[in-house]
């Protein structure tokens, strides 16, 4: 997967960076979480204050374009729509529930 930053604008009025990026990949389309991790590693940003706003796939190509916002701190993130925060919270909650889930060993009763 190859990521190219096409625009990195610092919006001082809203205390955030508005980042436009392009991703070229092979295989399945990357998830927003995958893109968020890759973007944070590329630009050395904090994942807790970064939000992927939009990702759109280019028809017929293994390429996606997206927009992300990165804030200086979590207090400034209050201007983002609430459904972005809910979406991230649901994913974090489901991941922690999967980690806690313990599978019971399977027992087979054989009748002779």
N, C-alpha and C. Protein backbone atom coordinates (compact mmCIF):
# COMPACT_ATOMS: atom_id res chain seq x y z
N UNK A 1 0.85 -1.16 0.00
CA UNK A 1 0.00 0.00 0.00
C UNK A 1 0.90 1.23 0.00
N UNK A 2 0.58 2.16 -0.87
CA UNK A 2 1.38 3.37 -1.00
C UNK A 2 0.49 4.59 -0.75
N UNK A 3 0.89 5.46 0.17
CA UNK A 3 0.11 6.65 0.50
C UNK A 3 0.85 7.90 0.05
N UNK A 4 0.09 8.79 -0.59
CA UNK A 4 0.65 10.06 -1.05
C UNK A 4 -0.21 11.18 -0.46
N UNK A 5 0.42 12.13 0.22
CA UNK A 5 -0.28 13.29 0.78
C UNK A 5 -0.38 14.33 -0.32
N UNK A 6 -1.60 14.66 -0.74
CA UNK A 6 -1.78 15.62 -1.83
C UNK A 6 -1.94 17.05 -1.32
N UNK A 7 -2.45 17.21 -0.08
CA UNK A 7 -2.61 18.55 0.48
C UNK A 7 -2.58 18.44 2.00
N UNK A 8 -1.84 19.32 2.63
CA UNK A 8 -1.76 19.36 4.09
C UNK A 8 -1.91 20.82 4.51
N UNK A 9 -3.15 21.22 4.80
CA UNK A 9 -3.47 22.61 5.11
C UNK A 9 -3.70 22.77 6.60
N UNK A 10 -3.06 23.74 7.22
CA UNK A 10 -3.26 24.00 8.64
C UNK A 10 -4.31 25.10 8.79
N UNK A 11 -5.46 24.71 9.34
CA UNK A 11 -6.56 25.63 9.56
C UNK A 11 -6.43 26.15 11.00
N UNK A 12 -5.85 27.32 11.15
CA UNK A 12 -5.58 27.87 12.48
C UNK A 12 -6.86 28.30 13.18
N UNK A 13 -7.87 28.68 12.43
CA UNK A 13 -9.13 29.10 13.03
C UNK A 13 -9.80 27.95 13.78
N UNK A 14 -9.71 26.73 13.23
CA UNK A 14 -10.32 25.57 13.86
C UNK A 14 -9.31 24.70 14.61
N UNK A 15 -8.06 25.13 14.66
CA UNK A 15 -6.99 24.41 15.35
C UNK A 15 -6.85 22.97 14.87
N UNK A 16 -6.79 22.80 13.55
CA UNK A 16 -6.65 21.46 13.00
C UNK A 16 -5.88 21.49 11.69
N UNK A 17 -5.39 20.32 11.30
CA UNK A 17 -4.78 20.14 9.98
C UNK A 17 -5.79 19.41 9.12
N UNK A 18 -6.01 19.90 7.92
CA UNK A 18 -6.92 19.27 6.98
C UNK A 18 -6.05 18.60 5.91
N UNK A 19 -6.08 17.30 5.89
CA UNK A 19 -5.17 16.51 5.08
C UNK A 19 -5.95 15.79 3.98
N UNK A 20 -5.49 15.93 2.76
CA UNK A 20 -6.04 15.20 1.63
C UNK A 20 -4.98 14.20 1.19
N UNK A 21 -5.40 12.95 1.00
CA UNK A 21 -4.44 11.91 0.66
C UNK A 21 -4.97 10.99 -0.43
N UNK A 22 -4.05 10.24 -0.99
CA UNK A 22 -4.36 9.29 -2.05
C UNK A 22 -3.64 7.99 -1.72
N UNK A 23 -4.34 6.87 -1.83
CA UNK A 23 -3.77 5.57 -1.51
C UNK A 23 -3.90 4.65 -2.71
N UNK A 24 -2.79 4.02 -3.07
CA UNK A 24 -2.79 3.01 -4.12
C UNK A 24 -2.50 1.68 -3.44
N UNK A 25 -3.35 0.69 -3.68
CA UNK A 25 -3.25 -0.58 -2.97
C UNK A 25 -3.49 -1.74 -3.93
N UNK A 26 -3.19 -2.93 -3.47
CA UNK A 26 -3.51 -4.14 -4.22
C UNK A 26 -4.28 -5.06 -3.29
N UNK A 27 -5.20 -5.80 -3.83
CA UNK A 27 -6.02 -6.67 -2.99
C UNK A 27 -7.27 -5.96 -2.55
N UNK A 28 -7.67 -6.21 -1.30
CA UNK A 28 -8.92 -5.62 -0.81
C UNK A 28 -8.75 -4.15 -0.46
N UNK A 29 -9.86 -3.44 -0.46
CA UNK A 29 -9.86 -2.02 -0.13
C UNK A 29 -9.54 -1.84 1.35
N UNK A 30 -8.59 -0.96 1.70
CA UNK A 30 -8.25 -0.76 3.11
C UNK A 30 -9.40 -0.11 3.87
N UNK A 31 -9.52 -0.45 5.14
CA UNK A 31 -10.55 0.13 5.99
C UNK A 31 -10.11 1.52 6.45
N UNK A 32 -11.07 2.26 7.02
CA UNK A 32 -10.73 3.59 7.54
C UNK A 32 -9.71 3.49 8.67
N UNK A 33 -9.81 2.43 9.46
CA UNK A 33 -8.84 2.24 10.55
C UNK A 33 -7.44 2.01 10.00
N UNK A 34 -7.33 1.20 8.93
CA UNK A 34 -6.02 0.98 8.31
C UNK A 34 -5.45 2.28 7.76
N UNK A 35 -6.30 3.07 7.13
CA UNK A 35 -5.85 4.34 6.57
C UNK A 35 -5.44 5.32 7.68
N UNK A 36 -6.18 5.31 8.78
CA UNK A 36 -5.87 6.20 9.90
C UNK A 36 -4.50 5.86 10.49
N UNK A 37 -4.24 4.57 10.68
CA UNK A 37 -2.94 4.13 11.23
C UNK A 37 -1.81 4.53 10.28
N UNK A 38 -2.01 4.29 8.99
CA UNK A 38 -0.97 4.61 8.01
C UNK A 38 -0.73 6.12 7.94
N UNK A 39 -1.80 6.90 7.98
CA UNK A 39 -1.67 8.36 7.92
C UNK A 39 -0.94 8.90 9.16
N UNK A 40 -1.29 8.36 10.32
CA UNK A 40 -0.64 8.81 11.56
C UNK A 40 0.84 8.45 11.58
N UNK A 41 1.20 7.29 11.03
CA UNK A 41 2.61 6.93 10.96
C UNK A 41 3.35 7.80 9.96
N UNK A 42 2.71 8.10 8.85
CA UNK A 42 3.36 8.90 7.80
C UNK A 42 3.64 10.32 8.27
N UNK A 43 2.65 10.94 8.92
CA UNK A 43 2.79 12.35 9.33
C UNK A 43 3.11 12.53 10.81
N UNK A 44 3.33 11.43 11.53
CA UNK A 44 3.66 11.48 12.95
C UNK A 44 2.56 12.21 13.74
N UNK A 45 1.31 11.73 13.58
CA UNK A 45 0.16 12.32 14.25
C UNK A 45 -0.36 11.37 15.33
N UNK A 46 -1.17 11.89 16.21
CA UNK A 46 -1.78 11.07 17.26
C UNK A 46 -3.07 10.44 16.72
N UNK A 47 -3.23 9.12 16.81
CA UNK A 47 -4.46 8.48 16.33
C UNK A 47 -5.71 8.90 17.11
N UNK A 48 -5.55 9.29 18.37
CA UNK A 48 -6.72 9.67 19.17
C UNK A 48 -7.28 11.03 18.78
N UNK A 49 -6.48 11.86 18.10
CA UNK A 49 -6.96 13.18 17.68
C UNK A 49 -7.06 13.31 16.16
N UNK A 50 -7.06 12.18 15.48
CA UNK A 50 -7.16 12.18 14.02
C UNK A 50 -8.46 11.50 13.62
N UNK A 51 -9.18 12.11 12.67
CA UNK A 51 -10.47 11.59 12.20
C UNK A 51 -10.43 11.48 10.68
N UNK A 52 -10.78 10.31 10.16
CA UNK A 52 -10.93 10.14 8.72
C UNK A 52 -12.34 10.62 8.38
N UNK A 53 -12.45 11.68 7.61
CA UNK A 53 -13.74 12.29 7.31
C UNK A 53 -14.40 11.61 6.12
N UNK A 54 -13.63 11.34 5.07
CA UNK A 54 -14.21 10.79 3.85
C UNK A 54 -13.17 9.96 3.12
N UNK A 55 -13.61 8.84 2.56
CA UNK A 55 -12.77 8.03 1.69
C UNK A 55 -13.62 7.64 0.49
N UNK A 56 -13.12 7.88 -0.70
CA UNK A 56 -13.86 7.49 -1.90
C UNK A 56 -12.92 6.72 -2.81
N UNK A 57 -13.47 5.68 -3.41
CA UNK A 57 -12.68 4.83 -4.28
C UNK A 57 -12.82 5.31 -5.72
N UNK A 58 -11.73 5.29 -6.46
CA UNK A 58 -11.74 5.66 -7.86
C UNK A 58 -12.24 4.46 -8.65
N UNK A 59 -13.26 4.65 -9.45
CA UNK A 59 -13.90 3.56 -10.18
C UNK A 59 -12.91 2.89 -11.14
N UNK A 60 -12.85 1.58 -11.04
CA UNK A 60 -12.03 0.80 -11.96
C UNK A 60 -10.56 0.74 -11.62
N UNK A 61 -10.16 1.36 -10.55
CA UNK A 61 -8.75 1.36 -10.17
C UNK A 61 -8.61 0.95 -8.71
N UNK A 62 -7.47 0.45 -8.35
CA UNK A 62 -7.20 0.13 -6.95
C UNK A 62 -6.56 1.35 -6.30
N UNK A 63 -7.41 2.37 -6.18
CA UNK A 63 -6.94 3.66 -5.68
C UNK A 63 -8.08 4.32 -4.92
N UNK A 64 -7.77 4.94 -3.80
CA UNK A 64 -8.76 5.67 -3.01
C UNK A 64 -8.22 7.06 -2.69
N UNK A 65 -9.16 7.99 -2.56
CA UNK A 65 -8.82 9.35 -2.15
C UNK A 65 -9.57 9.64 -0.87
N UNK A 66 -8.95 10.39 0.03
CA UNK A 66 -9.60 10.65 1.30
C UNK A 66 -9.24 11.99 1.90
N UNK A 67 -10.02 12.34 2.93
CA UNK A 67 -9.82 13.58 3.67
C UNK A 67 -9.79 13.23 5.15
N UNK A 68 -8.84 13.80 5.88
CA UNK A 68 -8.72 13.58 7.32
C UNK A 68 -8.50 14.90 8.03
N UNK A 69 -8.94 14.94 9.28
CA UNK A 69 -8.69 16.11 10.13
C UNK A 69 -7.88 15.65 11.32
N UNK A 70 -6.84 16.41 11.66
CA UNK A 70 -6.02 16.09 12.82
C UNK A 70 -5.97 17.32 13.72
N UNK A 71 -6.32 17.11 15.00
CA UNK A 71 -6.40 18.21 15.96
C UNK A 71 -5.19 18.19 16.88
N UNK A 72 -4.91 19.35 17.48
CA UNK A 72 -3.79 19.46 18.41
C UNK A 72 -4.09 18.74 19.71
N UNK A 73 -5.35 18.78 20.17
CA UNK A 73 -5.74 18.08 21.39
C UNK A 73 -7.20 17.64 21.27
N UNK A 74 -7.64 16.79 22.20
CA UNK A 74 -8.99 16.24 22.14
C UNK A 74 -10.08 17.27 22.43
N UNK A 75 -9.76 18.33 23.14
CA UNK A 75 -10.74 19.37 23.44
C UNK A 75 -11.18 20.10 22.18
N UNK A 76 -10.27 20.25 21.22
CA UNK A 76 -10.59 20.94 19.97
C UNK A 76 -11.46 20.08 19.04
N UNK A 77 -11.57 18.80 19.33
CA UNK A 77 -12.33 17.90 18.46
C UNK A 77 -13.84 18.07 18.62
N UNK A 78 -14.29 18.95 19.49
CA UNK A 78 -15.71 19.16 19.73
C UNK A 78 -16.47 19.68 18.53
N UNK A 79 -15.78 20.23 17.54
CA UNK A 79 -16.47 20.76 16.37
C UNK A 79 -16.77 19.68 15.33
N UNK A 80 -16.18 18.51 15.49
CA UNK A 80 -16.47 17.40 14.56
C UNK A 80 -17.87 16.88 14.82
N UNK A 81 -18.55 16.39 13.78
CA UNK A 81 -19.88 15.80 14.00
C UNK A 81 -19.80 14.64 15.00
N UNK A 82 -20.83 14.50 15.81
CA UNK A 82 -20.82 13.52 16.89
C UNK A 82 -20.79 12.09 16.38
N UNK A 83 -21.32 11.84 15.18
CA UNK A 83 -21.32 10.46 14.69
C UNK A 83 -19.92 9.95 14.36
N UNK A 84 -18.96 10.84 14.11
CA UNK A 84 -17.57 10.40 13.93
C UNK A 84 -17.02 9.82 15.23
N UNK A 85 -17.28 10.51 16.34
CA UNK A 85 -16.81 10.04 17.64
C UNK A 85 -17.51 8.74 18.03
N UNK A 86 -18.81 8.65 17.75
CA UNK A 86 -19.55 7.43 18.07
C UNK A 86 -19.02 6.24 17.27
N UNK A 87 -18.71 6.49 16.00
CA UNK A 87 -18.20 5.43 15.13
C UNK A 87 -16.87 4.90 15.67
N UNK A 88 -15.98 5.78 16.07
CA UNK A 88 -14.69 5.35 16.62
C UNK A 88 -14.87 4.65 17.96
N UNK A 89 -15.81 5.13 18.78
CA UNK A 89 -16.04 4.52 20.08
C UNK A 89 -16.62 3.12 19.94
N UNK A 90 -17.52 2.92 18.97
CA UNK A 90 -18.10 1.60 18.74
C UNK A 90 -17.02 0.61 18.33
N UNK A 91 -16.12 1.02 17.47
CA UNK A 91 -15.06 0.13 17.01
C UNK A 91 -14.13 -0.23 18.15
N UNK A 92 -13.79 0.74 18.99
CA UNK A 92 -12.91 0.47 20.13
C UNK A 92 -13.60 -0.46 21.12
N UNK A 93 -14.90 -0.25 21.32
CA UNK A 93 -15.65 -1.08 22.26
C UNK A 93 -15.77 -2.52 21.75
N UNK A 94 -16.03 -2.69 20.46
CA UNK A 94 -16.17 -4.04 19.90
C UNK A 94 -14.83 -4.76 19.90
N UNK A 95 -13.74 -4.05 19.68
CA UNK A 95 -12.41 -4.67 19.72
C UNK A 95 -12.07 -5.13 21.13
N UNK A 96 -12.42 -4.33 22.14
CA UNK A 96 -12.13 -4.72 23.51
C UNK A 96 -13.02 -5.89 23.93
N UNK A 97 -14.25 -5.95 23.44
CA UNK A 97 -15.14 -7.07 23.76
C UNK A 97 -14.62 -8.36 23.12
N UNK A 98 -14.07 -8.26 21.93
CA UNK A 98 -13.51 -9.44 21.27
C UNK A 98 -12.28 -9.93 22.02
N UNK A 99 -11.50 -9.02 22.56
CA UNK A 99 -10.31 -9.40 23.31
C UNK A 99 -10.68 -10.13 24.59
N UNK A 100 -11.78 -9.71 25.23
CA UNK A 100 -12.20 -10.31 26.49
C UNK A 100 -12.91 -11.65 26.29
N UNK A 101 -13.41 -11.85 25.08
CA UNK A 101 -14.17 -13.07 24.80
C UNK A 101 -13.24 -14.28 24.86
N UNK A 102 -13.61 -15.25 25.68
CA UNK A 102 -12.80 -16.45 25.85
C UNK A 102 -13.61 -17.63 25.32
N UNK A 103 -12.99 -18.38 24.47
CA UNK A 103 -13.68 -19.53 23.91
C UNK A 103 -13.55 -20.72 24.84
N UNK A 104 -14.67 -21.38 25.07
CA UNK A 104 -14.66 -22.59 25.89
C UNK A 104 -14.17 -23.74 25.01
N UNK A 105 -13.40 -24.66 25.60
CA UNK A 105 -12.92 -25.78 24.80
C UNK A 105 -14.09 -26.65 24.34
N UNK A 106 -14.00 -27.13 23.14
CA UNK A 106 -15.06 -27.95 22.56
C UNK A 106 -14.89 -29.38 23.06
N UNK A 107 -15.99 -29.93 23.47
CA UNK A 107 -15.97 -31.33 23.91
C UNK A 107 -16.90 -32.13 23.02
N UNK A 108 -16.43 -33.26 22.65
CA UNK A 108 -17.23 -34.12 21.78
C UNK A 108 -17.66 -35.35 22.57
N UNK A 109 -18.93 -35.61 22.57
CA UNK A 109 -19.45 -36.82 23.21
C UNK A 109 -19.63 -37.89 22.14
N UNK A 110 -18.89 -38.92 22.28
CA UNK A 110 -19.00 -40.01 21.32
C UNK A 110 -19.89 -41.11 21.91
N UNK A 111 -20.83 -41.54 21.13
CA UNK A 111 -21.72 -42.63 21.55
C UNK A 111 -21.20 -43.91 20.96
N UNK A 112 -21.00 -44.87 21.80
CA UNK A 112 -20.49 -46.15 21.32
C UNK A 112 -21.50 -47.23 21.40
